[in-house]
Amino acid sequence: MATKKRILLVDDEVTITRTLKLYLEGTGAYEVRAENRGSTAVQAAREFKPDLILLDVAMPDMDGGEVASQLRADDALKGTPIVFLTALVKKREVVASGGDIGGYPYVAKPLEPEKLVEVIERHTS
């Protein structure tokens, strides 16, 4: 049996993390850990050792850019792929910009679970 990919999902909106965790784990391909605070994301990543981190850009306690910087500064985590989740851009802007924020790929909200699976597969294979 194939090993499940480990996904760390960081978003301050509990409904988003709960819904995505249920969907992704329901595919049978992923083990998901959800965090709802940017300030706990780096420690969670150290403990969970994810294959990919889905990271919300705008969070009240620590934004995604700060979290990404801390992850890149950590020797054990600096190679872990990060995909930003953001409501701050529209889908047509994703196409126009090539889908990167600060050198990281991103997915625009509202999230389509099937598209999210495509993004996860693209960045973990």
N, C-alpha and C. Protein backbone atom coordinates (compact mmCIF):
# COMPACT_ATOMS: atom_id res chain seq x y z
N MET A 1 0.83 -1.19 0.00
CA MET A 1 0.00 0.00 0.00
C MET A 1 0.87 1.25 0.00
N ALA A 2 0.49 2.23 -0.80
CA ALA A 2 1.25 3.46 -0.91
C ALA A 2 1.13 4.28 0.38
N THR A 3 2.21 4.97 0.70
CA THR A 3 2.20 5.83 1.87
C THR A 3 1.38 7.08 1.56
N LYS A 4 0.58 7.50 2.52
CA LYS A 4 -0.21 8.72 2.34
C LYS A 4 0.72 9.93 2.41
N LYS A 5 0.44 10.91 1.56
CA LYS A 5 1.19 12.16 1.60
C LYS A 5 0.70 12.96 2.80
N ARG A 6 1.65 13.57 3.49
CA ARG A 6 1.33 14.34 4.69
C ARG A 6 1.21 15.82 4.31
N ILE A 7 0.03 16.38 4.59
CA ILE A 7 -0.26 17.76 4.24
C ILE A 7 -0.51 18.56 5.51
N LEU A 8 0.23 19.64 5.68
CA LEU A 8 -0.04 20.57 6.78
C LEU A 8 -0.86 21.72 6.20
N LEU A 9 -2.04 21.92 6.75
CA LEU A 9 -2.98 22.93 6.29
C LEU A 9 -3.07 24.02 7.34
N VAL A 10 -2.67 25.24 6.97
CA VAL A 10 -2.66 26.36 7.92
C VAL A 10 -3.58 27.46 7.41
N ASP A 11 -4.68 27.67 8.11
CA ASP A 11 -5.65 28.72 7.75
C ASP A 11 -6.38 29.11 9.02
N ASP A 12 -6.59 30.41 9.22
CA ASP A 12 -7.25 30.86 10.44
C ASP A 12 -8.76 30.59 10.43
N GLU A 13 -9.31 30.24 9.29
CA GLU A 13 -10.74 29.95 9.21
C GLU A 13 -10.99 28.47 9.46
N VAL A 14 -11.55 28.17 10.63
CA VAL A 14 -11.77 26.78 11.05
C VAL A 14 -12.64 26.02 10.06
N THR A 15 -13.64 26.68 9.50
CA THR A 15 -14.51 25.97 8.54
C THR A 15 -13.72 25.52 7.32
N ILE A 16 -12.75 26.33 6.88
CA ILE A 16 -11.93 25.95 5.73
C ILE A 16 -11.05 24.76 6.08
N THR A 17 -10.36 24.82 7.22
CA THR A 17 -9.46 23.70 7.56
C THR A 17 -10.25 22.42 7.78
N ARG A 18 -11.40 22.53 8.44
CA ARG A 18 -12.20 21.33 8.71
C ARG A 18 -12.70 20.71 7.40
N THR A 19 -13.24 21.54 6.51
CA THR A 19 -13.79 21.05 5.25
C THR A 19 -12.70 20.43 4.37
N LEU A 20 -11.57 21.12 4.24
CA LEU A 20 -10.48 20.60 3.39
C LEU A 20 -9.87 19.34 3.98
N LYS A 21 -9.71 19.30 5.29
CA LYS A 21 -9.16 18.10 5.94
C LYS A 21 -10.06 16.90 5.65
N LEU A 22 -11.37 17.07 5.83
CA LEU A 22 -12.31 15.97 5.55
C LEU A 22 -12.24 15.55 4.09
N TYR A 23 -12.21 16.52 3.18
CA TYR A 23 -12.17 16.19 1.76
C TYR A 23 -10.87 15.45 1.41
N LEU A 24 -9.73 16.03 1.80
CA LEU A 24 -8.44 15.43 1.42
C LEU A 24 -8.26 14.05 2.04
N GLU A 25 -8.60 13.90 3.32
CA GLU A 25 -8.46 12.59 3.95
C GLU A 25 -9.45 11.60 3.35
N GLY A 26 -10.61 12.11 2.88
CA GLY A 26 -11.61 11.26 2.25
C GLY A 26 -11.15 10.65 0.94
N THR A 27 -10.13 11.25 0.31
CA THR A 27 -9.61 10.68 -0.93
C THR A 27 -8.80 9.42 -0.66
N GLY A 28 -8.36 9.25 0.60
CA GLY A 28 -7.53 8.11 0.96
C GLY A 28 -6.06 8.29 0.63
N ALA A 29 -5.70 9.43 0.03
CA ALA A 29 -4.32 9.65 -0.40
C ALA A 29 -3.51 10.53 0.55
N TYR A 30 -4.19 11.16 1.50
CA TYR A 30 -3.52 12.16 2.33
C TYR A 30 -3.80 11.99 3.81
N GLU A 31 -2.77 12.35 4.60
CA GLU A 31 -2.93 12.52 6.03
C GLU A 31 -2.79 14.02 6.26
N VAL A 32 -3.77 14.64 6.89
CA VAL A 32 -3.79 16.10 7.01
C VAL A 32 -3.75 16.52 8.47
N ARG A 33 -2.90 17.49 8.76
CA ARG A 33 -2.90 18.14 10.07
C ARG A 33 -3.31 19.58 9.83
N ALA A 34 -4.28 20.06 10.57
CA ALA A 34 -4.77 21.43 10.42
C ALA A 34 -4.30 22.28 11.58
N GLU A 35 -3.86 23.48 11.27
CA GLU A 35 -3.50 24.49 12.26
C GLU A 35 -4.27 25.74 11.92
N ASN A 36 -4.78 26.44 12.94
CA ASN A 36 -5.56 27.64 12.69
C ASN A 36 -4.86 28.92 13.12
N ARG A 37 -3.57 28.80 13.46
CA ARG A 37 -2.78 29.98 13.84
C ARG A 37 -1.43 29.90 13.15
N GLY A 38 -1.06 31.00 12.51
CA GLY A 38 0.25 31.05 11.87
C GLY A 38 1.37 30.84 12.86
N SER A 39 1.19 31.34 14.08
CA SER A 39 2.24 31.26 15.09
C SER A 39 2.53 29.82 15.53
N THR A 40 1.61 28.90 15.30
CA THR A 40 1.85 27.49 15.68
C THR A 40 2.27 26.63 14.48
N ALA A 41 2.29 27.22 13.29
CA ALA A 41 2.54 26.45 12.07
C ALA A 41 3.94 25.85 11.99
N VAL A 42 4.96 26.62 12.39
CA VAL A 42 6.33 26.13 12.27
C VAL A 42 6.56 24.94 13.20
N GLN A 43 6.10 25.07 14.44
CA GLN A 43 6.24 23.95 15.39
C GLN A 43 5.47 22.73 14.90
N ALA A 44 4.27 22.96 14.37
CA ALA A 44 3.47 21.85 13.84
C ALA A 44 4.21 21.17 12.69
N ALA A 45 4.85 21.95 11.84
CA ALA A 45 5.60 21.39 10.71
C ALA A 45 6.78 20.56 11.22
N ARG A 46 7.45 21.03 12.27
CA ARG A 46 8.57 20.26 12.83
C ARG A 46 8.10 18.90 13.35
N GLU A 47 6.94 18.89 14.00
CA GLU A 47 6.42 17.65 14.58
C GLU A 47 5.85 16.71 13.51
N PHE A 48 5.12 17.27 12.56
CA PHE A 48 4.35 16.48 11.58
C PHE A 48 5.19 16.05 10.37
N LYS A 49 6.23 16.83 10.04
CA LYS A 49 7.09 16.56 8.89
C LYS A 49 6.28 16.37 7.60
N PRO A 50 5.56 17.42 7.18
CA PRO A 50 4.69 17.29 6.01
C PRO A 50 5.45 17.19 4.69
N ASP A 51 4.77 16.62 3.69
CA ASP A 51 5.30 16.57 2.33
C ASP A 51 5.00 17.88 1.60
N LEU A 52 3.99 18.61 2.10
CA LEU A 52 3.57 19.87 1.50
C LEU A 52 2.85 20.69 2.58
N ILE A 53 3.02 22.02 2.50
CA ILE A 53 2.33 22.91 3.42
C ILE A 53 1.41 23.82 2.60
N LEU A 54 0.12 23.79 2.93
CA LEU A 54 -0.86 24.72 2.36
C LEU A 54 -1.01 25.84 3.38
N LEU A 55 -0.70 27.06 2.98
CA LEU A 55 -0.53 28.15 3.94
C LEU A 55 -1.33 29.38 3.53
N ASP A 56 -2.27 29.77 4.39
CA ASP A 56 -3.06 30.97 4.14
C ASP A 56 -2.14 32.19 4.23
N VAL A 57 -2.36 33.17 3.35
CA VAL A 57 -1.54 34.37 3.35
C VAL A 57 -1.95 35.31 4.48
N ALA A 58 -3.25 35.59 4.60
CA ALA A 58 -3.73 36.60 5.56
C ALA A 58 -4.29 35.92 6.81
N MET A 59 -3.52 36.00 7.89
CA MET A 59 -3.96 35.46 9.18
C MET A 59 -3.71 36.53 10.23
N PRO A 60 -4.54 36.59 11.27
CA PRO A 60 -4.41 37.69 12.24
C PRO A 60 -3.14 37.67 13.09
N ASP A 61 -2.67 36.51 13.51
CA ASP A 61 -1.54 36.50 14.44
C ASP A 61 -0.18 36.55 13.75
N MET A 62 -0.05 35.91 12.60
CA MET A 62 1.21 35.91 11.86
C MET A 62 0.86 35.58 10.41
N ASP A 63 1.25 36.45 9.47
CA ASP A 63 0.82 36.19 8.10
C ASP A 63 1.66 35.10 7.44
N GLY A 64 1.15 34.61 6.34
CA GLY A 64 1.79 33.49 5.65
C GLY A 64 3.21 33.77 5.21
N GLY A 65 3.49 35.02 4.84
CA GLY A 65 4.86 35.37 4.44
C GLY A 65 5.84 35.20 5.58
N GLU A 66 5.44 35.60 6.78
CA GLU A 66 6.31 35.44 7.96
C GLU A 66 6.51 33.95 8.27
N VAL A 67 5.41 33.19 8.19
CA VAL A 67 5.50 31.75 8.45
C VAL A 67 6.44 31.10 7.43
N ALA A 68 6.29 31.45 6.15
CA ALA A 68 7.14 30.89 5.10
C ALA A 68 8.60 31.21 5.35
N SER A 69 8.90 32.44 5.79
CA SER A 69 10.28 32.83 6.09
C SER A 69 10.86 31.98 7.21
N GLN A 70 10.07 31.75 8.26
CA GLN A 70 10.54 30.91 9.37
C GLN A 70 10.76 29.46 8.91
N LEU A 71 9.87 28.97 8.06
CA LEU A 71 10.03 27.60 7.55
C LEU A 71 11.31 27.48 6.73
N ARG A 72 11.59 28.48 5.89
CA ARG A 72 12.79 28.45 5.05
C ARG A 72 14.06 28.58 5.88
N ALA A 73 13.96 29.20 7.05
CA ALA A 73 15.13 29.38 7.91
C ALA A 73 15.43 28.13 8.74
N ASP A 74 14.52 27.15 8.73
CA ASP A 74 14.66 25.93 9.52
C ASP A 74 15.27 24.84 8.63
N ASP A 75 16.46 24.36 9.01
CA ASP A 75 17.16 23.37 8.18
C ASP A 75 16.31 22.14 7.87
N ALA A 76 15.51 21.69 8.82
CA ALA A 76 14.71 20.48 8.62
C ALA A 76 13.51 20.72 7.70
N LEU A 77 13.11 21.98 7.54
CA LEU A 77 11.88 22.28 6.80
C LEU A 77 12.09 23.07 5.51
N LYS A 78 13.31 23.58 5.30
CA LYS A 78 13.50 24.52 4.20
C LYS A 78 13.21 23.93 2.82
N GLY A 79 13.24 22.61 2.68
CA GLY A 79 12.95 22.00 1.40
C GLY A 79 11.50 21.60 1.20
N THR A 80 10.67 21.82 2.22
CA THR A 80 9.26 21.43 2.14
C THR A 80 8.51 22.38 1.22
N PRO A 81 7.82 21.86 0.19
CA PRO A 81 7.05 22.74 -0.69
C PRO A 81 5.95 23.47 0.07
N ILE A 82 5.77 24.75 -0.28
CA ILE A 82 4.72 25.59 0.30
C ILE A 82 3.84 26.09 -0.84
N VAL A 83 2.53 25.98 -0.65
CA VAL A 83 1.57 26.57 -1.58
C VAL A 83 0.69 27.50 -0.76
N PHE A 84 0.66 28.77 -1.16
CA PHE A 84 -0.17 29.74 -0.46
C PHE A 84 -1.63 29.60 -0.86
N LEU A 85 -2.50 29.85 0.11
CA LEU A 85 -3.95 29.93 -0.13
C LEU A 85 -4.32 31.38 0.12
N THR A 86 -5.04 32.00 -0.81
CA THR A 86 -5.36 33.40 -0.59
C THR A 86 -6.68 33.82 -1.22
N ALA A 87 -7.37 34.67 -0.51
CA ALA A 87 -8.59 35.30 -1.04
C ALA A 87 -8.25 36.69 -1.57
N LEU A 88 -6.99 37.06 -1.49
CA LEU A 88 -6.58 38.42 -1.86
C LEU A 88 -6.40 38.59 -3.37
N VAL A 89 -6.44 37.50 -4.11
CA VAL A 89 -6.35 37.58 -5.57
C VAL A 89 -7.54 36.85 -6.17
N LYS A 90 -7.87 37.22 -7.37
CA LYS A 90 -8.95 36.55 -8.08
C LYS A 90 -8.34 35.52 -9.03
N LYS A 91 -9.15 34.55 -9.42
CA LYS A 91 -8.65 33.47 -10.27
C LYS A 91 -8.00 34.00 -11.55
N ARG A 92 -8.55 35.04 -12.18
CA ARG A 92 -7.94 35.52 -13.43
C ARG A 92 -6.57 36.15 -13.15
N GLU A 93 -6.37 36.69 -11.93
CA GLU A 93 -5.05 37.23 -11.57
C GLU A 93 -4.03 36.10 -11.41
N VAL A 94 -4.49 34.93 -10.96
CA VAL A 94 -3.60 33.78 -10.84
C VAL A 94 -3.02 33.45 -12.20
N VAL A 95 -3.87 33.41 -13.21
CA VAL A 95 -3.43 33.10 -14.57
C VAL A 95 -2.47 34.17 -15.07
N ALA A 96 -2.81 35.44 -14.84
CA ALA A 96 -1.99 36.55 -15.33
C ALA A 96 -0.61 36.58 -14.70
N SER A 97 -0.50 36.21 -13.43
CA SER A 97 0.78 36.29 -12.74
C SER A 97 1.57 35.00 -12.79
N GLY A 98 1.01 33.96 -13.39
CA GLY A 98 1.70 32.69 -13.43
C GLY A 98 1.53 31.90 -12.14
N GLY A 99 0.72 32.40 -11.23
CA GLY A 99 0.40 31.65 -10.03
C GLY A 99 1.45 31.65 -8.94
N ASP A 100 2.23 32.73 -8.80
CA ASP A 100 3.24 32.81 -7.73
C ASP A 100 3.04 34.07 -6.89
N ILE A 101 3.30 33.92 -5.58
CA ILE A 101 3.38 35.07 -4.67
C ILE A 101 4.74 34.92 -3.99
N GLY A 102 5.61 35.89 -4.20
CA GLY A 102 6.93 35.84 -3.57
C GLY A 102 7.70 34.58 -3.92
N GLY A 103 7.49 34.08 -5.12
CA GLY A 103 8.20 32.88 -5.55
C GLY A 103 7.52 31.58 -5.16
N TYR A 104 6.41 31.66 -4.44
CA TYR A 104 5.67 30.46 -4.04
C TYR A 104 4.41 30.34 -4.89
N PRO A 105 4.06 29.12 -5.28
CA PRO A 105 2.79 28.95 -5.99
C PRO A 105 1.64 29.25 -5.04
N TYR A 106 0.49 29.62 -5.61
CA TYR A 106 -0.66 29.86 -4.75
C TYR A 106 -1.95 29.44 -5.44
N VAL A 107 -2.98 29.27 -4.61
CA VAL A 107 -4.31 28.90 -5.07
C VAL A 107 -5.26 29.96 -4.53
N ALA A 108 -6.13 30.47 -5.41
CA ALA A 108 -7.09 31.50 -5.00
C ALA A 108 -8.30 30.87 -4.34
N LYS A 109 -8.80 31.56 -3.31
CA LYS A 109 -10.05 31.16 -2.66
C LYS A 109 -11.19 31.83 -3.41
N PRO A 110 -12.37 31.29 -3.46
CA PRO A 110 -12.76 30.05 -2.79
C PRO A 110 -12.09 28.84 -3.44
N LEU A 111 -11.68 27.91 -2.61
CA LEU A 111 -10.95 26.75 -3.08
C LEU A 111 -11.88 25.70 -3.69
N GLU A 112 -11.44 25.14 -4.79
CA GLU A 112 -12.15 24.00 -5.38
C GLU A 112 -11.34 22.77 -5.00
N PRO A 113 -11.91 21.87 -4.20
CA PRO A 113 -11.14 20.73 -3.70
C PRO A 113 -10.44 19.92 -4.79
N GLU A 114 -11.09 19.71 -5.93
CA GLU A 114 -10.45 18.92 -6.99
C GLU A 114 -9.21 19.63 -7.52
N LYS A 115 -9.29 20.96 -7.65
CA LYS A 115 -8.13 21.74 -8.12
C LYS A 115 -7.01 21.70 -7.08
N LEU A 116 -7.39 21.70 -5.81
CA LEU A 116 -6.40 21.65 -4.75
C LEU A 116 -5.63 20.33 -4.82
N VAL A 117 -6.32 19.24 -5.08
CA VAL A 117 -5.66 17.94 -5.23
C VAL A 117 -4.65 18.00 -6.39
N GLU A 118 -5.04 18.63 -7.51
CA GLU A 118 -4.11 18.77 -8.64
C GLU A 118 -2.85 19.52 -8.23
N VAL A 119 -3.03 20.61 -7.47
CA VAL A 119 -1.89 21.41 -7.02
C VAL A 119 -1.01 20.59 -6.08
N ILE A 120 -1.62 19.88 -5.15
CA ILE A 120 -0.85 19.04 -4.22
C ILE A 120 -0.03 18.02 -5.00
N GLU A 121 -0.66 17.35 -5.95
CA GLU A 121 0.05 16.34 -6.73
C GLU A 121 1.19 16.94 -7.54
N ARG A 122 0.96 18.11 -8.10
CA ARG A 122 1.98 18.76 -8.91
C ARG A 122 3.21 19.10 -8.08
N HIS A 123 3.01 19.48 -6.82
CA HIS A 123 4.13 19.95 -5.99
C HIS A 123 4.69 18.88 -5.05
N THR A 124 4.13 17.68 -5.08
CA THR A 124 4.69 16.61 -4.22
C THR A 124 5.22 15.44 -5.02
N SER A 125 5.10 15.49 -6.34
CA SER A 125 5.57 14.32 -7.12
C SER A 125 7.02 14.42 -7.48
